[in-house]
N, C-alpha and C. Protein backbone atom coordinates (compact mmCIF):
# COMPACT_ATOMS: atom_id res chain seq x y z
N MET A 1 98.75 102.45 96.06
CA MET A 1 99.89 101.84 95.42
C MET A 1 99.49 100.48 94.89
N ALA A 2 99.80 100.19 93.65
CA ALA A 2 99.39 98.94 93.01
C ALA A 2 100.01 97.73 93.69
N PHE A 3 101.25 97.85 94.16
CA PHE A 3 101.92 96.72 94.80
C PHE A 3 101.17 96.28 96.04
N ALA A 4 100.70 97.23 96.84
CA ALA A 4 99.98 96.89 98.07
C ALA A 4 98.67 96.19 97.76
N LYS A 5 98.02 96.57 96.67
CA LYS A 5 96.74 95.95 96.31
C LYS A 5 96.93 94.53 95.80
N ASP A 6 98.02 94.25 95.10
CA ASP A 6 98.25 92.94 94.52
C ASP A 6 99.69 92.52 94.74
N SER A 7 99.98 92.01 95.94
CA SER A 7 101.36 91.64 96.25
C SER A 7 101.83 90.48 95.38
N GLY A 8 100.94 89.69 94.80
CA GLY A 8 101.32 88.61 93.91
C GLY A 8 101.87 89.10 92.58
N SER A 9 101.72 90.40 92.32
CA SER A 9 102.19 90.97 91.05
C SER A 9 103.71 90.96 90.94
N THR A 10 104.42 90.72 92.04
CA THR A 10 105.88 90.69 92.00
C THR A 10 106.45 89.29 92.21
N ASP A 11 105.60 88.30 92.46
CA ASP A 11 106.06 86.94 92.72
C ASP A 11 106.90 86.41 91.56
N ILE A 12 107.90 85.63 91.89
CA ILE A 12 108.65 84.93 90.86
C ILE A 12 107.88 83.64 90.60
N SER A 13 106.93 83.76 89.68
CA SER A 13 106.02 82.65 89.38
C SER A 13 105.67 82.67 87.89
N ARG A 14 105.00 81.61 87.43
CA ARG A 14 104.59 81.52 86.02
C ARG A 14 103.57 82.60 85.67
N ALA A 15 102.89 83.17 86.66
CA ALA A 15 101.93 84.23 86.39
C ALA A 15 102.64 85.51 85.92
N ASN A 16 103.87 85.72 86.37
CA ASN A 16 104.61 86.94 86.06
C ASN A 16 105.79 86.75 85.12
N TYR A 17 106.31 85.51 85.04
CA TYR A 17 107.53 85.27 84.27
C TYR A 17 107.46 83.99 83.46
N ASP A 18 108.21 83.99 82.37
CA ASP A 18 108.59 82.76 81.69
C ASP A 18 110.03 82.52 82.12
N PHE A 19 110.46 81.26 82.08
CA PHE A 19 111.80 80.91 82.53
C PHE A 19 112.52 80.14 81.44
N ARG A 20 113.82 80.36 81.33
CA ARG A 20 114.63 79.62 80.37
C ARG A 20 115.89 79.13 81.07
N PHE A 21 116.15 77.84 80.97
CA PHE A 21 117.34 77.25 81.58
C PHE A 21 118.58 77.77 80.86
N LEU A 22 119.57 78.24 81.66
CA LEU A 22 120.83 78.74 81.09
C LEU A 22 122.00 77.80 81.36
N ARG A 23 122.15 77.40 82.62
CA ARG A 23 123.31 76.59 82.98
C ARG A 23 123.15 76.09 84.42
N GLU A 24 124.15 75.35 84.90
CA GLU A 24 124.21 74.91 86.30
C GLU A 24 125.46 75.53 86.93
N GLU A 25 125.35 75.92 88.21
CA GLU A 25 126.47 76.55 88.94
C GLU A 25 126.42 76.16 90.40
N GLU A 26 127.57 76.27 91.06
CA GLU A 26 127.65 76.11 92.51
C GLU A 26 127.54 77.49 93.16
N VAL A 27 126.67 77.61 94.16
CA VAL A 27 126.52 78.86 94.92
C VAL A 27 126.61 78.50 96.40
N ASN A 28 127.67 78.98 97.05
CA ASN A 28 127.88 78.72 98.48
C ASN A 28 127.74 77.24 98.82
N GLY A 29 128.30 76.39 97.98
CA GLY A 29 128.28 74.95 98.23
C GLY A 29 126.98 74.27 97.82
N HIS A 30 126.08 74.96 97.15
CA HIS A 30 124.81 74.39 96.71
C HIS A 30 124.80 74.31 95.19
N HIS A 31 124.41 73.16 94.67
CA HIS A 31 124.28 72.99 93.23
C HIS A 31 123.00 73.69 92.79
N CYS A 32 123.11 74.65 91.86
CA CYS A 32 121.96 75.46 91.44
C CYS A 32 121.75 75.43 89.94
N TYR A 33 120.49 75.60 89.57
CA TYR A 33 120.12 75.85 88.18
C TYR A 33 120.05 77.36 88.02
N VAL A 34 120.64 77.87 86.95
CA VAL A 34 120.54 79.30 86.65
C VAL A 34 119.49 79.43 85.54
N LEU A 35 118.44 80.20 85.85
CA LEU A 35 117.34 80.39 84.92
C LEU A 35 117.24 81.86 84.54
N GLU A 36 116.91 82.10 83.29
CA GLU A 36 116.67 83.48 82.86
C GLU A 36 115.23 83.85 83.20
N LEU A 37 115.06 85.04 83.78
CA LEU A 37 113.73 85.58 84.08
C LEU A 37 113.26 86.38 82.87
N LEU A 38 112.13 85.98 82.31
CA LEU A 38 111.57 86.67 81.15
C LEU A 38 110.19 87.20 81.56
N PRO A 39 110.10 88.48 81.93
CA PRO A 39 108.82 89.04 82.40
C PRO A 39 107.72 88.94 81.35
N ARG A 40 106.52 88.66 81.80
CA ARG A 40 105.37 88.52 80.90
C ARG A 40 104.73 89.87 80.56
N ARG A 41 105.11 90.94 81.25
CA ARG A 41 104.57 92.27 80.97
C ARG A 41 105.61 93.32 81.36
N LYS A 42 105.45 94.52 80.84
CA LYS A 42 106.36 95.62 81.18
C LYS A 42 105.81 96.31 82.42
N ALA A 43 106.46 96.09 83.53
CA ALA A 43 106.03 96.69 84.80
C ALA A 43 107.27 97.05 85.61
N ARG A 44 107.17 98.12 86.38
CA ARG A 44 108.31 98.58 87.21
C ARG A 44 108.72 97.56 88.26
N ASN A 45 107.78 96.75 88.71
CA ASN A 45 108.07 95.84 89.81
C ASN A 45 108.52 94.45 89.34
N LEU A 46 108.80 94.28 88.05
CA LEU A 46 109.32 93.02 87.53
C LEU A 46 110.75 93.22 87.04
N LEU A 47 111.55 92.16 87.16
CA LEU A 47 112.96 92.21 86.76
C LEU A 47 113.21 91.37 85.52
N ARG A 48 114.14 91.81 84.71
CA ARG A 48 114.68 91.01 83.61
C ARG A 48 116.07 90.63 84.07
N GLY A 49 116.32 89.33 84.21
CA GLY A 49 117.63 88.92 84.69
C GLY A 49 117.70 87.42 84.89
N ASN A 50 118.38 87.00 85.95
CA ASN A 50 118.60 85.59 86.23
C ASN A 50 118.26 85.25 87.68
N ILE A 51 117.90 83.99 87.89
CA ILE A 51 117.72 83.48 89.25
C ILE A 51 118.53 82.20 89.40
N TRP A 52 119.01 81.96 90.61
CA TRP A 52 119.75 80.76 90.94
C TRP A 52 118.86 79.94 91.86
N VAL A 53 118.44 78.76 91.39
CA VAL A 53 117.51 77.90 92.11
C VAL A 53 118.23 76.63 92.54
N ASP A 54 118.14 76.30 93.83
CA ASP A 54 118.77 75.09 94.37
C ASP A 54 118.25 73.87 93.63
N ALA A 55 119.15 73.04 93.12
CA ALA A 55 118.77 71.86 92.34
C ALA A 55 118.09 70.79 93.18
N ASN A 56 118.31 70.79 94.49
CA ASN A 56 117.71 69.77 95.36
C ASN A 56 116.43 70.25 96.04
N THR A 57 116.43 71.48 96.52
CA THR A 57 115.28 71.98 97.30
C THR A 57 114.37 72.90 96.50
N TYR A 58 114.85 73.40 95.37
CA TYR A 58 114.15 74.38 94.52
C TYR A 58 113.94 75.72 95.21
N LEU A 59 114.72 76.00 96.26
CA LEU A 59 114.68 77.31 96.91
C LEU A 59 115.54 78.28 96.10
N ILE A 60 115.12 79.53 96.03
CA ILE A 60 115.88 80.55 95.30
C ILE A 60 117.01 81.06 96.19
N HIS A 61 118.24 81.02 95.67
CA HIS A 61 119.41 81.52 96.39
C HIS A 61 119.74 82.96 96.03
N ARG A 62 119.49 83.32 94.76
CA ARG A 62 119.91 84.64 94.27
C ARG A 62 118.99 85.07 93.13
N VAL A 63 118.70 86.36 93.10
CA VAL A 63 117.98 86.98 91.98
C VAL A 63 118.81 88.19 91.58
N GLU A 64 119.05 88.34 90.28
CA GLU A 64 119.86 89.46 89.80
C GLU A 64 119.28 89.96 88.49
N GLY A 65 119.07 91.27 88.40
CA GLY A 65 118.56 91.81 87.15
C GLY A 65 118.27 93.29 87.21
N GLU A 66 117.59 93.76 86.17
CA GLU A 66 117.21 95.17 86.10
C GLU A 66 115.70 95.26 85.90
N PRO A 67 115.11 96.34 86.40
CA PRO A 67 113.66 96.51 86.23
C PRO A 67 113.30 96.56 84.74
N VAL A 68 112.17 95.95 84.40
CA VAL A 68 111.71 95.93 83.01
C VAL A 68 111.38 97.34 82.54
N LYS A 69 110.81 98.13 83.44
CA LYS A 69 110.40 99.49 83.12
C LYS A 69 111.04 100.44 84.13
N SER A 70 111.56 101.54 83.67
CA SER A 70 112.21 102.50 84.56
C SER A 70 111.21 103.10 85.54
N SER A 71 111.65 103.23 86.78
CA SER A 71 110.78 103.79 87.81
C SER A 71 110.86 105.32 87.87
N SER A 72 111.90 105.87 87.25
CA SER A 72 112.08 107.32 87.32
C SER A 72 113.01 107.81 86.21
N TRP A 73 112.77 109.02 85.75
CA TRP A 73 113.64 109.65 84.78
C TRP A 73 115.04 109.86 85.37
N TRP A 74 115.12 109.99 86.68
CA TRP A 74 116.38 110.27 87.36
C TRP A 74 117.34 109.09 87.37
N LEU A 75 116.81 107.87 87.24
CA LEU A 75 117.63 106.67 87.39
C LEU A 75 117.90 106.01 86.05
N ARG A 76 119.17 105.62 85.84
CA ARG A 76 119.58 104.86 84.66
C ARG A 76 120.43 103.70 85.11
N ASP A 77 120.49 102.68 84.29
CA ASP A 77 121.34 101.51 84.53
C ASP A 77 121.12 100.92 85.93
N VAL A 78 119.88 100.72 86.31
CA VAL A 78 119.54 100.17 87.62
C VAL A 78 119.82 98.67 87.62
N ARG A 79 120.49 98.19 88.65
CA ARG A 79 120.82 96.77 88.80
C ARG A 79 120.44 96.36 90.22
N ILE A 80 119.73 95.25 90.37
CA ILE A 80 119.27 94.78 91.68
C ILE A 80 119.74 93.35 91.90
N VAL A 81 120.27 93.08 93.10
CA VAL A 81 120.69 91.74 93.50
C VAL A 81 120.01 91.42 94.83
N LEU A 82 119.29 90.30 94.89
CA LEU A 82 118.65 89.84 96.12
C LEU A 82 119.26 88.50 96.50
N LEU A 83 119.63 88.35 97.77
CA LEU A 83 120.20 87.10 98.28
C LEU A 83 119.25 86.50 99.30
N PHE A 84 119.18 85.17 99.33
CA PHE A 84 118.27 84.45 100.22
C PHE A 84 119.04 83.42 101.03
N GLY A 85 118.51 83.09 102.20
CA GLY A 85 119.13 82.08 103.05
C GLY A 85 118.22 81.74 104.21
N TYR A 86 118.67 80.78 105.00
CA TYR A 86 117.91 80.39 106.19
C TYR A 86 118.14 81.38 107.31
N VAL A 87 117.08 81.73 107.97
CA VAL A 87 117.11 82.48 109.22
C VAL A 87 116.33 81.61 110.19
N GLY A 88 117.06 80.94 111.09
CA GLY A 88 116.42 79.92 111.91
C GLY A 88 115.96 78.81 110.99
N GLU A 89 114.67 78.51 111.01
CA GLU A 89 114.13 77.47 110.14
C GLU A 89 113.37 78.05 108.94
N MET A 90 113.44 79.37 108.76
CA MET A 90 112.73 80.02 107.65
C MET A 90 113.69 80.42 106.53
N TRP A 91 113.27 80.20 105.30
CA TRP A 91 114.03 80.63 104.13
C TRP A 91 113.50 81.99 103.72
N MET A 92 114.36 82.99 103.68
CA MET A 92 113.89 84.33 103.37
C MET A 92 114.99 85.19 102.76
N GLN A 93 114.60 86.34 102.24
CA GLN A 93 115.58 87.27 101.70
C GLN A 93 116.43 87.80 102.84
N THR A 94 117.75 87.75 102.66
CA THR A 94 118.66 88.18 103.72
C THR A 94 119.42 89.46 103.38
N SER A 95 119.49 89.83 102.10
CA SER A 95 120.14 91.08 101.74
C SER A 95 119.74 91.50 100.33
N SER A 96 119.98 92.78 100.06
CA SER A 96 119.75 93.30 98.72
C SER A 96 120.79 94.37 98.42
N GLU A 97 121.10 94.50 97.15
CA GLU A 97 122.03 95.53 96.70
C GLU A 97 121.47 96.13 95.42
N SER A 98 121.34 97.43 95.40
CA SER A 98 120.85 98.13 94.21
C SER A 98 121.88 99.16 93.79
N THR A 99 122.17 99.20 92.51
CA THR A 99 123.07 100.20 91.98
C THR A 99 122.36 100.93 90.84
N ALA A 100 122.69 102.19 90.66
CA ALA A 100 122.09 102.99 89.59
C ALA A 100 122.96 104.19 89.31
N ASN A 101 122.82 104.72 88.12
CA ASN A 101 123.40 106.02 87.78
C ASN A 101 122.28 107.02 87.95
N VAL A 102 122.48 107.94 88.89
CA VAL A 102 121.48 108.98 89.15
C VAL A 102 121.88 110.21 88.36
N ARG A 103 120.97 110.69 87.55
CA ARG A 103 121.28 111.87 86.72
C ARG A 103 121.75 113.02 87.62
N ILE A 104 122.72 113.72 87.19
CA ILE A 104 123.36 114.86 87.86
C ILE A 104 124.24 114.39 89.02
N VAL A 105 123.79 113.45 89.85
CA VAL A 105 124.53 113.00 91.03
C VAL A 105 125.63 112.01 90.68
N GLY A 106 125.35 111.04 89.78
CA GLY A 106 126.33 110.02 89.41
C GLY A 106 125.98 108.67 89.99
N PRO A 107 126.97 107.75 90.02
CA PRO A 107 126.72 106.38 90.49
C PRO A 107 126.29 106.36 91.96
N TYR A 108 125.36 105.48 92.27
CA TYR A 108 124.85 105.35 93.64
C TYR A 108 124.63 103.88 93.94
N LYS A 109 124.97 103.46 95.17
CA LYS A 109 124.78 102.07 95.58
C LYS A 109 124.08 102.04 96.93
N MET A 110 123.05 101.21 97.03
CA MET A 110 122.34 101.03 98.29
C MET A 110 122.41 99.55 98.66
N ILE A 111 122.89 99.27 99.87
CA ILE A 111 123.02 97.90 100.35
C ILE A 111 122.17 97.74 101.60
N SER A 112 121.40 96.68 101.61
CA SER A 112 120.57 96.35 102.76
C SER A 112 120.92 94.93 103.19
N GLN A 113 121.36 94.77 104.45
CA GLN A 113 121.69 93.44 104.96
C GLN A 113 121.02 93.25 106.30
N ASP A 114 120.49 92.06 106.49
CA ASP A 114 119.92 91.71 107.77
C ASP A 114 121.06 91.27 108.67
N VAL A 115 121.26 92.01 109.74
CA VAL A 115 122.40 91.76 110.62
C VAL A 115 122.14 90.61 111.57
N SER A 116 120.99 90.63 112.21
CA SER A 116 120.68 89.53 113.13
C SER A 116 119.17 89.43 113.33
N TYR A 117 118.76 88.28 113.77
CA TYR A 117 117.37 88.02 114.10
C TYR A 117 117.33 87.38 115.47
N LYS A 118 116.29 87.66 116.20
CA LYS A 118 116.07 86.98 117.46
C LYS A 118 114.76 86.24 117.33
N ILE A 119 114.84 84.93 117.36
CA ILE A 119 113.66 84.10 117.21
C ILE A 119 113.33 83.51 118.56
N ASP A 120 112.22 83.96 119.14
CA ASP A 120 111.79 83.47 120.44
C ASP A 120 110.91 82.25 120.27
N GLN A 121 110.90 81.42 121.28
CA GLN A 121 110.01 80.27 121.29
C GLN A 121 108.62 80.74 121.69
N PRO A 122 107.56 80.15 121.13
CA PRO A 122 106.21 80.55 121.52
C PRO A 122 105.99 80.32 123.01
N SER A 123 105.25 81.20 123.60
CA SER A 123 104.99 81.12 125.03
C SER A 123 103.52 80.80 125.27
N LEU A 124 103.24 79.98 126.27
CA LEU A 124 101.87 79.64 126.62
C LEU A 124 101.23 80.72 127.48
N ALA A 125 102.03 81.52 128.12
CA ALA A 125 101.49 82.57 128.99
C ALA A 125 100.88 83.67 128.13
N ARG A 126 99.71 84.18 128.55
CA ARG A 126 99.05 85.27 127.82
C ARG A 126 99.15 86.53 128.65
N SER A 127 99.45 87.62 127.99
CA SER A 127 99.46 88.88 128.71
C SER A 127 98.08 89.51 128.57
N SER A 128 97.78 90.49 129.38
CA SER A 128 96.48 91.15 129.32
C SER A 128 96.32 91.96 128.04
N ALA A 129 97.42 92.26 127.34
CA ALA A 129 97.35 93.05 126.12
C ALA A 129 96.97 92.21 124.90
N GLN A 130 97.04 90.88 125.02
CA GLN A 130 96.73 90.02 123.89
C GLN A 130 95.22 89.89 123.71
N ALA A 131 94.79 89.87 122.47
CA ALA A 131 93.38 89.67 122.17
C ALA A 131 93.05 88.19 122.24
N THR A 132 91.86 87.88 122.68
CA THR A 132 91.39 86.51 122.74
C THR A 132 90.17 86.39 121.84
N PHE A 133 90.18 85.40 120.96
CA PHE A 133 89.07 85.18 120.06
C PHE A 133 88.42 83.85 120.37
N PHE A 134 87.11 83.84 120.40
CA PHE A 134 86.36 82.62 120.64
C PHE A 134 85.43 82.39 119.46
N PRO A 135 85.40 81.16 118.93
CA PRO A 135 84.52 80.87 117.80
C PRO A 135 83.07 81.16 118.17
N GLY A 136 82.34 81.81 117.28
CA GLY A 136 80.93 82.09 117.50
C GLY A 136 80.65 83.31 118.35
N ALA A 137 81.69 83.91 118.89
CA ALA A 137 81.47 85.08 119.75
C ALA A 137 81.34 86.31 118.88
N GLY A 138 80.19 86.96 118.97
CA GLY A 138 79.96 88.20 118.23
C GLY A 138 80.02 89.37 119.17
N PRO A 139 79.69 90.56 118.71
CA PRO A 139 79.78 91.75 119.56
C PRO A 139 78.84 91.68 120.76
N GLU A 140 77.70 90.97 120.63
CA GLU A 140 76.77 90.92 121.75
C GLU A 140 76.96 89.69 122.63
N THR A 141 77.88 88.80 122.26
CA THR A 141 78.11 87.60 123.05
C THR A 141 79.17 87.88 124.11
N PRO A 142 78.84 87.65 125.39
CA PRO A 142 79.86 87.88 126.42
C PRO A 142 81.00 86.87 126.31
N ILE A 143 82.21 87.35 126.52
CA ILE A 143 83.39 86.49 126.47
C ILE A 143 83.78 86.16 127.90
N PRO A 144 83.92 84.85 128.19
CA PRO A 144 84.26 84.43 129.56
C PRO A 144 85.62 84.90 130.01
């Protein structure tokens, strides 16, 4: 799979997109810039649409658009929405919604939401199942 070989191929970056400023909006109490995503190539894993970028932190709050290239003859009018937010101290995608018209079947909607996360504090205790690495230790070097 091409995506697995080059995960950077889907990044929202200058390597994959050109951006055009559209307007400013409030999103969940955050002042955001709304930018148009203009893909640099026709690929299934790139979207044509808009992103909402926090004006203070430059974190992406929302991505909305349609794939540049159809992934299947069966799907038409595909629309994807990705939402981002803090989970603990990490900023990450928290939900997605995809809609499409599936030939013969009709309209279809798939929603993915992260319900909860459990973030544990790092522990100093090591279990016997954990691997231990020592600098300079090769296969023939005994590990203490």
